N, C-alpha and C. Protein backbone atom coordinates (compact mmCIF):
# COMPACT_ATOMS: atom_id res chain seq x y z
N MET A 1 111.22 98.33 38.74
CA MET A 1 112.38 98.66 39.58
C MET A 1 112.73 100.15 39.46
N LYS A 2 112.66 100.65 38.21
CA LYS A 2 112.95 102.05 37.98
C LYS A 2 111.96 102.93 38.74
N LEU A 3 110.67 102.55 38.69
CA LEU A 3 109.63 103.29 39.40
C LEU A 3 109.89 103.29 40.90
N LEU A 4 110.30 102.16 41.43
CA LEU A 4 110.60 102.04 42.86
C LEU A 4 111.75 102.98 43.24
N SER A 5 112.79 103.04 42.39
CA SER A 5 113.93 103.94 42.65
C SER A 5 113.49 105.40 42.67
N ILE A 6 112.65 105.76 41.71
CA ILE A 6 112.15 107.14 41.64
C ILE A 6 111.35 107.47 42.90
N LEU A 7 110.51 106.55 43.35
CA LEU A 7 109.71 106.78 44.56
C LEU A 7 110.60 106.96 45.79
N VAL A 8 111.62 106.12 45.90
CA VAL A 8 112.54 106.22 47.04
C VAL A 8 113.26 107.57 47.03
N ILE A 9 113.72 108.00 45.86
CA ILE A 9 114.41 109.30 45.75
C ILE A 9 113.46 110.44 46.10
N ALA A 10 112.25 110.37 45.57
CA ALA A 10 111.25 111.42 45.84
C ALA A 10 110.93 111.50 47.33
N LEU A 11 110.77 110.35 47.96
CA LEU A 11 110.49 110.33 49.40
C LEU A 11 111.67 110.86 50.20
N SER A 12 112.89 110.55 49.77
CA SER A 12 114.09 111.05 50.45
C SER A 12 114.15 112.57 50.39
N ILE A 13 113.86 113.11 49.19
CA ILE A 13 113.88 114.57 49.02
C ILE A 13 112.81 115.21 49.88
N ALA A 14 111.61 114.66 49.86
CA ALA A 14 110.50 115.21 50.66
C ALA A 14 110.85 115.16 52.13
N PHE A 15 111.45 114.06 52.59
CA PHE A 15 111.79 113.91 54.00
C PHE A 15 112.87 114.92 54.39
N THR A 16 113.87 115.11 53.49
CA THR A 16 114.94 116.07 53.76
C THR A 16 114.39 117.48 53.87
N GLN A 17 113.49 117.85 52.94
CA GLN A 17 112.90 119.18 52.99
C GLN A 17 112.06 119.37 54.24
N GLU A 18 111.33 118.35 54.62
CA GLU A 18 110.46 118.45 55.80
C GLU A 18 111.29 118.61 57.07
N THR A 19 112.41 117.88 57.17
CA THR A 19 113.21 117.95 58.38
C THR A 19 113.97 119.27 58.47
N ALA A 20 114.14 119.97 57.34
CA ALA A 20 114.83 121.26 57.37
C ALA A 20 113.98 122.34 58.03
N LYS A 21 112.67 122.13 58.08
CA LYS A 21 111.79 123.11 58.71
C LYS A 21 111.95 123.07 60.23
N ILE A 22 112.06 124.25 60.80
CA ILE A 22 112.13 124.36 62.26
C ILE A 22 110.81 124.94 62.74
N PRO A 23 110.11 124.22 63.61
CA PRO A 23 108.84 124.79 64.09
C PRO A 23 109.10 126.01 64.97
N ALA A 24 108.44 127.10 64.65
CA ALA A 24 108.59 128.33 65.42
C ALA A 24 107.30 128.58 66.19
N THR A 25 107.37 128.49 67.51
CA THR A 25 106.21 128.68 68.36
C THR A 25 106.05 130.16 68.69
N VAL A 26 104.93 130.75 68.27
CA VAL A 26 104.71 132.17 68.51
C VAL A 26 104.27 132.41 69.95
N ASN A 27 104.95 133.34 70.61
CA ASN A 27 104.62 133.72 71.98
C ASN A 27 103.50 134.76 71.92
N LEU A 28 102.28 134.34 72.29
CA LEU A 28 101.12 135.22 72.14
C LEU A 28 101.16 136.42 73.07
N SER A 29 101.80 136.30 74.22
CA SER A 29 101.84 137.43 75.16
C SER A 29 102.82 138.51 74.71
N GLU A 30 103.83 138.16 73.92
CA GLU A 30 104.80 139.14 73.43
C GLU A 30 104.45 139.66 72.04
N SER A 31 103.56 138.97 71.36
CA SER A 31 103.17 139.36 70.00
C SER A 31 101.93 140.24 70.06
N GLN A 32 101.76 141.10 69.05
CA GLN A 32 100.60 141.99 69.08
C GLN A 32 100.26 142.52 67.69
N VAL A 33 99.01 142.93 67.54
CA VAL A 33 98.57 143.65 66.35
C VAL A 33 97.96 144.96 66.83
N ARG A 34 98.53 146.08 66.38
CA ARG A 34 98.01 147.41 66.71
C ARG A 34 97.27 147.93 65.48
N TRP A 35 96.03 148.37 65.66
CA TRP A 35 95.27 148.92 64.55
C TRP A 35 95.21 150.45 64.66
N GLU A 36 95.06 151.09 63.50
CA GLU A 36 94.92 152.55 63.47
C GLU A 36 94.03 152.92 62.30
N ALA A 37 93.04 153.76 62.57
CA ALA A 37 92.12 154.23 61.53
C ALA A 37 91.85 155.70 61.74
N SER A 38 91.63 156.42 60.64
CA SER A 38 91.46 157.87 60.73
C SER A 38 90.14 158.32 60.12
N LYS A 39 89.67 159.46 60.63
CA LYS A 39 88.51 160.14 60.07
C LYS A 39 88.91 161.60 59.86
N VAL A 40 88.01 162.40 59.33
CA VAL A 40 88.33 163.80 59.04
C VAL A 40 88.78 164.52 60.31
N THR A 41 88.17 164.19 61.44
CA THR A 41 88.43 164.93 62.68
C THR A 41 89.50 164.30 63.59
N GLY A 42 90.13 163.21 63.16
CA GLY A 42 91.17 162.63 64.00
C GLY A 42 91.44 161.16 63.74
N THR A 43 92.21 160.56 64.63
CA THR A 43 92.63 159.17 64.48
C THR A 43 92.32 158.38 65.75
N HIS A 44 91.92 157.13 65.58
CA HIS A 44 91.75 156.21 66.71
C HIS A 44 92.70 155.04 66.54
N TRP A 45 93.08 154.45 67.65
CA TRP A 45 93.94 153.28 67.59
C TRP A 45 93.70 152.37 68.79
N GLY A 46 94.14 151.13 68.64
CA GLY A 46 94.00 150.16 69.72
C GLY A 46 94.70 148.87 69.33
N TYR A 47 94.31 147.78 69.99
CA TYR A 47 94.94 146.48 69.75
C TYR A 47 93.90 145.42 69.43
N VAL A 48 94.33 144.43 68.63
CA VAL A 48 93.55 143.23 68.41
C VAL A 48 94.42 142.07 68.90
N PRO A 49 93.99 141.35 69.93
CA PRO A 49 94.82 140.25 70.43
C PRO A 49 95.03 139.16 69.37
N ILE A 50 96.20 138.57 69.40
CA ILE A 50 96.46 137.43 68.52
C ILE A 50 95.98 136.17 69.24
N LYS A 51 95.09 135.46 68.58
CA LYS A 51 94.46 134.27 69.18
C LYS A 51 95.32 133.03 68.95
N ASN A 52 95.78 132.85 67.73
CA ASN A 52 96.65 131.74 67.35
C ASN A 52 97.64 132.24 66.32
N ALA A 53 98.84 131.65 66.31
CA ALA A 53 99.82 132.03 65.30
C ALA A 53 100.90 130.96 65.20
N GLU A 54 101.44 130.83 64.01
CA GLU A 54 102.59 129.96 63.82
C GLU A 54 103.43 130.50 62.66
N LEU A 55 104.72 130.27 62.73
CA LEU A 55 105.63 130.66 61.66
C LEU A 55 106.38 129.42 61.18
N ASP A 56 106.53 129.30 59.87
CA ASP A 56 107.37 128.25 59.30
C ASP A 56 108.75 128.85 59.09
N TYR A 57 109.76 128.15 59.57
CA TYR A 57 111.13 128.68 59.54
C TYR A 57 112.04 127.60 58.99
N SER A 58 112.83 127.96 57.97
CA SER A 58 113.69 126.97 57.34
C SER A 58 114.95 127.65 56.82
N ASP A 59 116.10 127.04 57.07
CA ASP A 59 117.39 127.58 56.60
C ASP A 59 117.59 129.04 56.97
N GLY A 60 117.19 129.39 58.20
CA GLY A 60 117.40 130.75 58.69
C GLY A 60 116.44 131.78 58.13
N LYS A 61 115.34 131.34 57.50
CA LYS A 61 114.39 132.27 56.90
C LYS A 61 112.96 131.85 57.19
N ILE A 62 112.08 132.85 57.30
CA ILE A 62 110.64 132.58 57.39
C ILE A 62 110.16 132.13 56.02
N THR A 63 109.40 131.03 55.98
CA THR A 63 108.90 130.52 54.70
C THR A 63 107.38 130.55 54.61
N GLY A 64 106.70 130.75 55.73
CA GLY A 64 105.24 130.77 55.71
C GLY A 64 104.71 130.96 57.12
N GLY A 65 103.41 130.78 57.27
CA GLY A 65 102.81 130.90 58.59
C GLY A 65 101.42 131.50 58.53
N VAL A 66 100.87 131.74 59.69
CA VAL A 66 99.52 132.29 59.79
C VAL A 66 99.36 132.96 61.15
N PHE A 67 98.59 134.06 61.19
CA PHE A 67 98.20 134.59 62.50
C PHE A 67 96.72 134.94 62.47
N GLU A 68 96.06 134.60 63.57
CA GLU A 68 94.62 134.76 63.70
C GLU A 68 94.34 135.80 64.78
N MET A 69 93.52 136.80 64.42
CA MET A 69 93.23 137.91 65.34
C MET A 69 91.87 137.74 65.99
N ASP A 70 91.82 138.00 67.29
CA ASP A 70 90.62 137.85 68.10
C ASP A 70 89.81 139.15 68.06
N MET A 71 88.85 139.23 67.15
CA MET A 71 88.08 140.46 66.95
C MET A 71 87.15 140.76 68.12
N VAL A 72 86.75 139.74 68.85
CA VAL A 72 85.83 139.92 69.98
C VAL A 72 86.48 140.78 71.06
N ASN A 73 87.80 140.65 71.21
CA ASN A 73 88.49 141.35 72.29
C ASN A 73 89.35 142.52 71.81
N LEU A 74 89.00 143.08 70.64
CA LEU A 74 89.73 144.27 70.19
C LEU A 74 89.53 145.41 71.18
N THR A 75 90.52 146.26 71.29
CA THR A 75 90.46 147.38 72.24
C THR A 75 90.65 148.71 71.53
N VAL A 76 90.18 149.76 72.18
CA VAL A 76 90.44 151.14 71.78
C VAL A 76 91.33 151.74 72.87
N GLU A 77 92.47 152.30 72.48
CA GLU A 77 93.44 152.78 73.46
C GLU A 77 93.56 154.30 73.52
N ASP A 78 93.07 155.01 72.52
CA ASP A 78 93.30 156.46 72.51
C ASP A 78 92.24 157.24 73.30
N LEU A 79 91.10 156.63 73.60
CA LEU A 79 90.05 157.31 74.35
C LEU A 79 90.12 156.91 75.83
N THR A 80 90.32 157.90 76.70
CA THR A 80 90.45 157.60 78.13
C THR A 80 89.12 157.68 78.87
N ASP A 81 88.15 158.40 78.33
CA ASP A 81 86.83 158.46 78.96
C ASP A 81 86.14 157.11 78.78
N PRO A 82 85.77 156.44 79.90
CA PRO A 82 85.19 155.10 79.81
C PRO A 82 83.95 155.01 78.92
N LYS A 83 83.09 156.02 78.96
CA LYS A 83 81.87 155.98 78.16
C LYS A 83 82.18 156.09 76.67
N SER A 84 83.04 157.05 76.30
CA SER A 84 83.43 157.22 74.90
C SER A 84 84.15 155.98 74.38
N ASN A 85 85.04 155.44 75.22
CA ASN A 85 85.79 154.25 74.85
C ASN A 85 84.83 153.08 74.60
N GLY A 86 83.91 152.88 75.52
CA GLY A 86 82.95 151.79 75.39
C GLY A 86 82.07 151.93 74.17
N ASN A 87 81.64 153.18 73.89
CA ASN A 87 80.79 153.42 72.73
C ASN A 87 81.51 153.08 71.42
N LEU A 88 82.78 153.53 71.29
CA LEU A 88 83.52 153.24 70.07
C LEU A 88 83.84 151.75 69.96
N THR A 89 84.26 151.15 71.06
CA THR A 89 84.59 149.71 71.04
C THR A 89 83.38 148.90 70.58
N ASN A 90 82.22 149.19 71.17
CA ASN A 90 81.00 148.45 70.79
C ASN A 90 80.60 148.73 69.35
N HIS A 91 80.81 149.96 68.90
CA HIS A 91 80.47 150.29 67.51
C HIS A 91 81.37 149.53 66.54
N LEU A 92 82.66 149.43 66.86
CA LEU A 92 83.57 148.69 66.00
C LEU A 92 83.21 147.21 65.92
N LYS A 93 82.62 146.69 66.99
CA LYS A 93 82.23 145.28 67.02
C LYS A 93 80.88 145.03 66.35
N SER A 94 80.15 146.12 66.05
CA SER A 94 78.80 146.00 65.49
C SER A 94 78.84 145.69 64.00
N ASP A 95 77.65 145.52 63.41
CA ASP A 95 77.55 145.23 61.98
C ASP A 95 77.97 146.40 61.10
N ASP A 96 78.06 147.62 61.66
CA ASP A 96 78.58 148.75 60.89
C ASP A 96 80.04 148.54 60.52
N PHE A 97 80.75 147.76 61.35
CA PHE A 97 82.17 147.53 61.13
C PHE A 97 82.49 146.04 61.03
N PHE A 98 82.91 145.40 62.12
CA PHE A 98 83.49 144.06 62.02
C PHE A 98 82.54 142.90 62.32
N SER A 99 81.31 143.17 62.72
CA SER A 99 80.30 142.11 62.92
C SER A 99 80.87 140.93 63.72
N VAL A 100 81.42 141.24 64.90
CA VAL A 100 82.17 140.21 65.62
C VAL A 100 81.32 139.05 66.13
N GLU A 101 80.01 139.25 66.28
CA GLU A 101 79.17 138.12 66.68
C GLU A 101 79.14 137.04 65.60
N LYS A 102 79.20 137.46 64.35
CA LYS A 102 79.20 136.51 63.23
C LYS A 102 80.61 136.09 62.84
N PHE A 103 81.55 137.03 62.93
CA PHE A 103 82.92 136.79 62.46
C PHE A 103 83.88 137.15 63.59
N ASN A 104 84.13 136.20 64.48
CA ASN A 104 84.91 136.55 65.68
C ASN A 104 86.42 136.50 65.49
N THR A 105 86.88 136.08 64.31
CA THR A 105 88.31 136.13 64.04
C THR A 105 88.58 136.69 62.64
N SER A 106 89.74 137.28 62.48
CA SER A 106 90.28 137.68 61.18
C SER A 106 91.64 137.00 61.05
N THR A 107 92.04 136.68 59.82
CA THR A 107 93.24 135.86 59.64
C THR A 107 94.13 136.38 58.53
N PHE A 108 95.44 136.35 58.77
CA PHE A 108 96.40 136.58 57.69
C PHE A 108 97.17 135.28 57.49
N ASN A 109 97.11 134.76 56.27
CA ASN A 109 97.79 133.52 55.93
C ASN A 109 98.97 133.84 55.01
N ILE A 110 100.18 133.57 55.47
CA ILE A 110 101.38 133.88 54.68
C ILE A 110 101.56 132.80 53.61
N THR A 111 101.58 133.23 52.35
CA THR A 111 101.78 132.29 51.25
C THR A 111 103.19 132.39 50.67
N GLU A 112 103.84 133.54 50.91
CA GLU A 112 105.20 133.74 50.38
C GLU A 112 105.93 134.76 51.24
N ALA A 113 107.20 134.49 51.52
CA ALA A 113 108.03 135.42 52.28
C ALA A 113 109.35 135.59 51.53
N LYS A 114 109.48 136.71 50.82
CA LYS A 114 110.67 136.95 49.99
C LYS A 114 111.68 137.80 50.75
N THR A 115 112.94 137.38 50.68
CA THR A 115 114.02 138.17 51.29
C THR A 115 115.31 137.91 50.54
N SER A 116 116.14 138.93 50.46
CA SER A 116 117.44 138.75 49.83
C SER A 116 118.54 138.67 50.88
N ASN A 117 118.23 139.13 52.10
CA ASN A 117 119.27 139.19 53.12
C ASN A 117 118.88 138.54 54.45
N GLY A 118 117.67 137.96 54.54
CA GLY A 118 117.23 137.31 55.77
C GLY A 118 116.71 138.28 56.82
N THR A 119 116.71 139.58 56.51
CA THR A 119 116.24 140.60 57.45
C THR A 119 115.07 141.40 56.88
N ASP A 120 115.23 141.89 55.66
CA ASP A 120 114.18 142.69 55.01
C ASP A 120 113.32 141.77 54.14
N TYR A 121 112.05 141.70 54.47
CA TYR A 121 111.14 140.78 53.80
C TYR A 121 110.01 141.52 53.09
N THR A 122 109.46 140.88 52.07
CA THR A 122 108.14 141.21 51.56
C THR A 122 107.26 140.01 51.86
N ILE A 123 106.31 140.21 52.74
CA ILE A 123 105.40 139.13 53.15
C ILE A 123 104.14 139.23 52.30
N SER A 124 103.79 138.16 51.63
CA SER A 124 102.58 138.12 50.82
C SER A 124 101.67 137.02 51.33
N GLY A 125 100.37 137.25 51.16
CA GLY A 125 99.41 136.25 51.61
C GLY A 125 97.99 136.69 51.39
N THR A 126 97.11 136.16 52.21
CA THR A 126 95.69 136.51 52.11
C THR A 126 95.20 137.00 53.46
N LEU A 127 94.43 138.08 53.41
CA LEU A 127 93.81 138.65 54.61
C LEU A 127 92.31 138.35 54.54
N THR A 128 91.80 137.72 55.61
CA THR A 128 90.38 137.39 55.68
C THR A 128 89.74 138.16 56.82
N ILE A 129 88.74 138.98 56.49
CA ILE A 129 87.98 139.75 57.47
C ILE A 129 86.50 139.59 57.11
N LYS A 130 85.67 139.30 58.09
CA LYS A 130 84.23 139.11 57.88
C LYS A 130 83.96 138.03 56.83
N GLY A 131 84.80 137.02 56.80
CA GLY A 131 84.62 135.92 55.86
C GLY A 131 85.00 136.25 54.42
N ILE A 132 85.55 137.44 54.20
CA ILE A 132 85.95 137.89 52.85
C ILE A 132 87.47 137.87 52.78
N THR A 133 88.01 137.26 51.72
CA THR A 133 89.46 137.09 51.58
C THR A 133 89.99 137.84 50.36
N HIS A 134 91.08 138.57 50.57
CA HIS A 134 91.76 139.28 49.47
C HIS A 134 93.27 139.10 49.64
N PRO A 135 94.01 139.12 48.53
CA PRO A 135 95.47 139.09 48.64
C PRO A 135 96.00 140.38 49.26
N ALA A 136 97.10 140.26 49.97
CA ALA A 136 97.72 141.43 50.61
C ALA A 136 99.21 141.16 50.77
N SER A 137 99.99 142.22 50.77
CA SER A 137 101.42 142.07 51.03
C SER A 137 101.92 143.29 51.79
N PHE A 138 103.02 143.12 52.50
CA PHE A 138 103.58 144.22 53.28
C PHE A 138 105.05 143.98 53.56
N PRO A 139 105.83 145.05 53.77
CA PRO A 139 107.23 144.89 54.13
C PRO A 139 107.36 144.54 55.61
N ALA A 140 108.37 143.75 55.94
CA ALA A 140 108.60 143.37 57.33
C ALA A 140 110.09 143.28 57.61
N LYS A 141 110.44 143.56 58.85
CA LYS A 141 111.83 143.42 59.33
C LYS A 141 111.87 142.20 60.24
N VAL A 142 112.83 141.34 60.02
CA VAL A 142 112.94 140.12 60.82
C VAL A 142 114.32 140.08 61.46
N THR A 143 114.35 139.87 62.77
CA THR A 143 115.61 139.65 63.48
C THR A 143 115.55 138.28 64.13
N ALA A 144 116.66 137.58 64.07
CA ALA A 144 116.68 136.22 64.61
C ALA A 144 117.94 135.99 65.44
N THR A 145 117.77 135.23 66.50
CA THR A 145 118.89 134.74 67.30
C THR A 145 118.88 133.22 67.18
N THR A 146 119.66 132.56 67.98
CA THR A 146 119.66 131.09 67.93
C THR A 146 118.37 130.51 68.51
N THR A 147 117.63 131.32 69.28
CA THR A 147 116.41 130.79 69.92
C THR A 147 115.13 131.54 69.59
N THR A 148 115.23 132.76 69.05
CA THR A 148 114.01 133.54 68.81
C THR A 148 114.00 134.20 67.42
N ILE A 149 112.79 134.44 66.95
CA ILE A 149 112.56 135.21 65.72
C ILE A 149 111.60 136.32 66.09
N THR A 150 111.91 137.56 65.66
CA THR A 150 110.98 138.67 65.84
C THR A 150 110.71 139.28 64.47
N ALA A 151 109.44 139.28 64.07
CA ALA A 151 109.03 139.85 62.78
C ALA A 151 108.12 141.05 63.04
N VAL A 152 108.47 142.20 62.44
CA VAL A 152 107.69 143.42 62.64
C VAL A 152 107.36 144.00 61.26
N GLY A 153 106.08 144.30 61.03
CA GLY A 153 105.69 144.85 59.74
C GLY A 153 104.41 145.65 59.82
N GLY A 154 104.14 146.43 58.79
CA GLY A 154 102.93 147.24 58.74
C GLY A 154 102.11 146.93 57.50
N LEU A 155 100.87 146.53 57.71
CA LEU A 155 99.96 146.17 56.63
C LEU A 155 98.82 147.18 56.58
N THR A 156 98.57 147.74 55.40
CA THR A 156 97.45 148.68 55.23
C THR A 156 96.43 148.05 54.29
N PHE A 157 95.15 148.09 54.69
CA PHE A 157 94.11 147.52 53.83
C PHE A 157 92.95 148.51 53.69
N ASP A 158 92.18 148.33 52.63
CA ASP A 158 90.99 149.13 52.37
C ASP A 158 89.80 148.42 52.99
N ARG A 159 89.20 149.02 54.00
CA ARG A 159 88.12 148.36 54.74
C ARG A 159 86.91 148.07 53.87
N THR A 160 86.69 148.89 52.81
CA THR A 160 85.51 148.67 51.97
C THR A 160 85.61 147.38 51.17
N ASP A 161 86.84 146.88 50.97
CA ASP A 161 87.01 145.57 50.31
C ASP A 161 86.42 144.44 51.14
N TYR A 162 86.21 144.71 52.43
CA TYR A 162 85.70 143.69 53.35
C TYR A 162 84.30 144.04 53.85
N ASP A 163 83.56 144.77 53.01
CA ASP A 163 82.17 145.13 53.29
C ASP A 163 82.03 145.96 54.57
N ILE A 164 83.00 146.85 54.80
CA ILE A 164 82.93 147.80 55.92
C ILE A 164 82.83 149.19 55.29
N LYS A 165 81.61 149.63 55.04
CA LYS A 165 81.38 150.85 54.26
C LYS A 165 80.85 152.02 55.08
N PHE A 166 80.70 151.84 56.38
CA PHE A 166 80.12 152.88 57.22
C PHE A 166 80.86 154.21 57.07
N ARG A 167 80.12 155.25 56.67
CA ARG A 167 80.64 156.61 56.47
C ARG A 167 81.88 156.67 55.56
N SER A 168 81.92 155.81 54.57
CA SER A 168 82.99 155.86 53.57
C SER A 168 82.62 156.89 52.51
N GLY A 169 83.56 157.77 52.18
CA GLY A 169 83.33 158.78 51.16
C GLY A 169 83.13 158.19 49.77
N ASN A 170 83.52 156.94 49.57
CA ASN A 170 83.33 156.28 48.28
C ASN A 170 81.92 155.74 48.10
N PHE A 171 81.15 155.68 49.19
CA PHE A 171 79.80 155.11 49.11
C PHE A 171 78.70 156.06 49.57
N PHE A 172 79.08 157.11 50.32
CA PHE A 172 78.08 158.04 50.84
C PHE A 172 78.49 159.47 50.52
N GLU A 173 77.51 160.29 50.16
CA GLU A 173 77.78 161.68 49.82
C GLU A 173 77.48 162.60 51.00
N ASN A 174 78.06 163.80 50.94
CA ASN A 174 77.77 164.86 51.91
C ASN A 174 78.03 164.46 53.36
N LEU A 175 79.09 163.70 53.58
CA LEU A 175 79.43 163.29 54.95
C LEU A 175 80.12 164.41 55.73
N GLY A 176 80.77 165.31 55.01
CA GLY A 176 81.47 166.39 55.68
C GLY A 176 82.52 165.87 56.65
N ASP A 177 82.52 166.43 57.86
CA ASP A 177 83.53 166.00 58.84
C ASP A 177 83.16 164.70 59.54
N ARG A 178 82.08 164.06 59.10
CA ARG A 178 81.72 162.74 59.66
C ARG A 178 82.32 161.59 58.84
N MET A 179 83.02 161.92 57.75
CA MET A 179 83.60 160.88 56.89
C MET A 179 84.73 160.14 57.61
N ILE A 180 84.75 158.82 57.41
CA ILE A 180 85.82 157.96 57.93
C ILE A 180 86.63 157.46 56.74
N TYR A 181 87.95 157.60 56.79
CA TYR A 181 88.78 157.17 55.68
C TYR A 181 88.76 155.64 55.55
N ASP A 182 89.01 155.16 54.34
CA ASP A 182 88.89 153.73 54.06
C ASP A 182 90.11 152.92 54.50
N GLU A 183 91.27 153.55 54.57
CA GLU A 183 92.47 152.80 54.91
C GLU A 183 92.57 152.52 56.40
N VAL A 184 92.88 151.27 56.71
CA VAL A 184 93.14 150.84 58.09
C VAL A 184 94.55 150.26 58.13
N LYS A 185 95.32 150.66 59.13
CA LYS A 185 96.70 150.19 59.25
C LYS A 185 96.81 149.18 60.39
N LEU A 186 97.50 148.09 60.12
CA LEU A 186 97.80 147.09 61.15
C LEU A 186 99.32 147.02 61.31
N ASP A 187 99.81 147.30 62.53
CA ASP A 187 101.22 147.11 62.84
C ASP A 187 101.34 145.77 63.56
N VAL A 188 102.04 144.85 62.93
CA VAL A 188 102.11 143.47 63.41
C VAL A 188 103.48 143.17 63.99
N LYS A 189 103.48 142.57 65.17
CA LYS A 189 104.74 142.10 65.78
C LYS A 189 104.53 140.66 66.22
N LEU A 190 105.33 139.75 65.65
CA LEU A 190 105.28 138.35 66.03
C LEU A 190 106.63 137.96 66.63
N VAL A 191 106.59 137.40 67.82
CA VAL A 191 107.79 136.92 68.50
C VAL A 191 107.65 135.41 68.66
N ALA A 192 108.61 134.68 68.12
CA ALA A 192 108.52 133.21 68.15
C ALA A 192 109.82 132.60 68.65
N THR A 193 109.69 131.42 69.24
CA THR A 193 110.87 130.67 69.68
C THR A 193 111.09 129.49 68.76
N ILE A 194 112.36 129.19 68.52
CA ILE A 194 112.70 128.07 67.63
C ILE A 194 113.56 127.05 68.36
């Protein structure tokens, strides 16, 4: 009888916690990931479309979630010449960089979202690129209304951690002005309805 009581209480608690979660549907057309990478001679930037995303929302706070980036359709936005743009876009998709034929998505899985005020967050989780996963965290600003959540943050990662070593000064010597820096910045904006 005691065991039965414990089970009933445990199930009640689990059910209460589960019902407190509000499903937040991410609007893919309003959400975006902007990438930026630099080399000795300048900076390139563009977008990676969000393929799938969801946010876990409970008691007025983000508690978890995931967003999946469509590497096949990444774009370069800073080059206006069609030939130069096409060359860089194709190079980024090649095995020198993201190997999109083999790895057509990259994923950030939120494992923890810390906040003291419901607005300023530290988002922690795992970033998977080219099938390689590493922990990552970044600051984010979250604004919420009765119907929407908007989360904006900037994540910087070292591309060489994901086997992207092309013209990295840490792996190749005498690159001169052909060197590409290892840090890549992702500016993430997720807009969700609750």
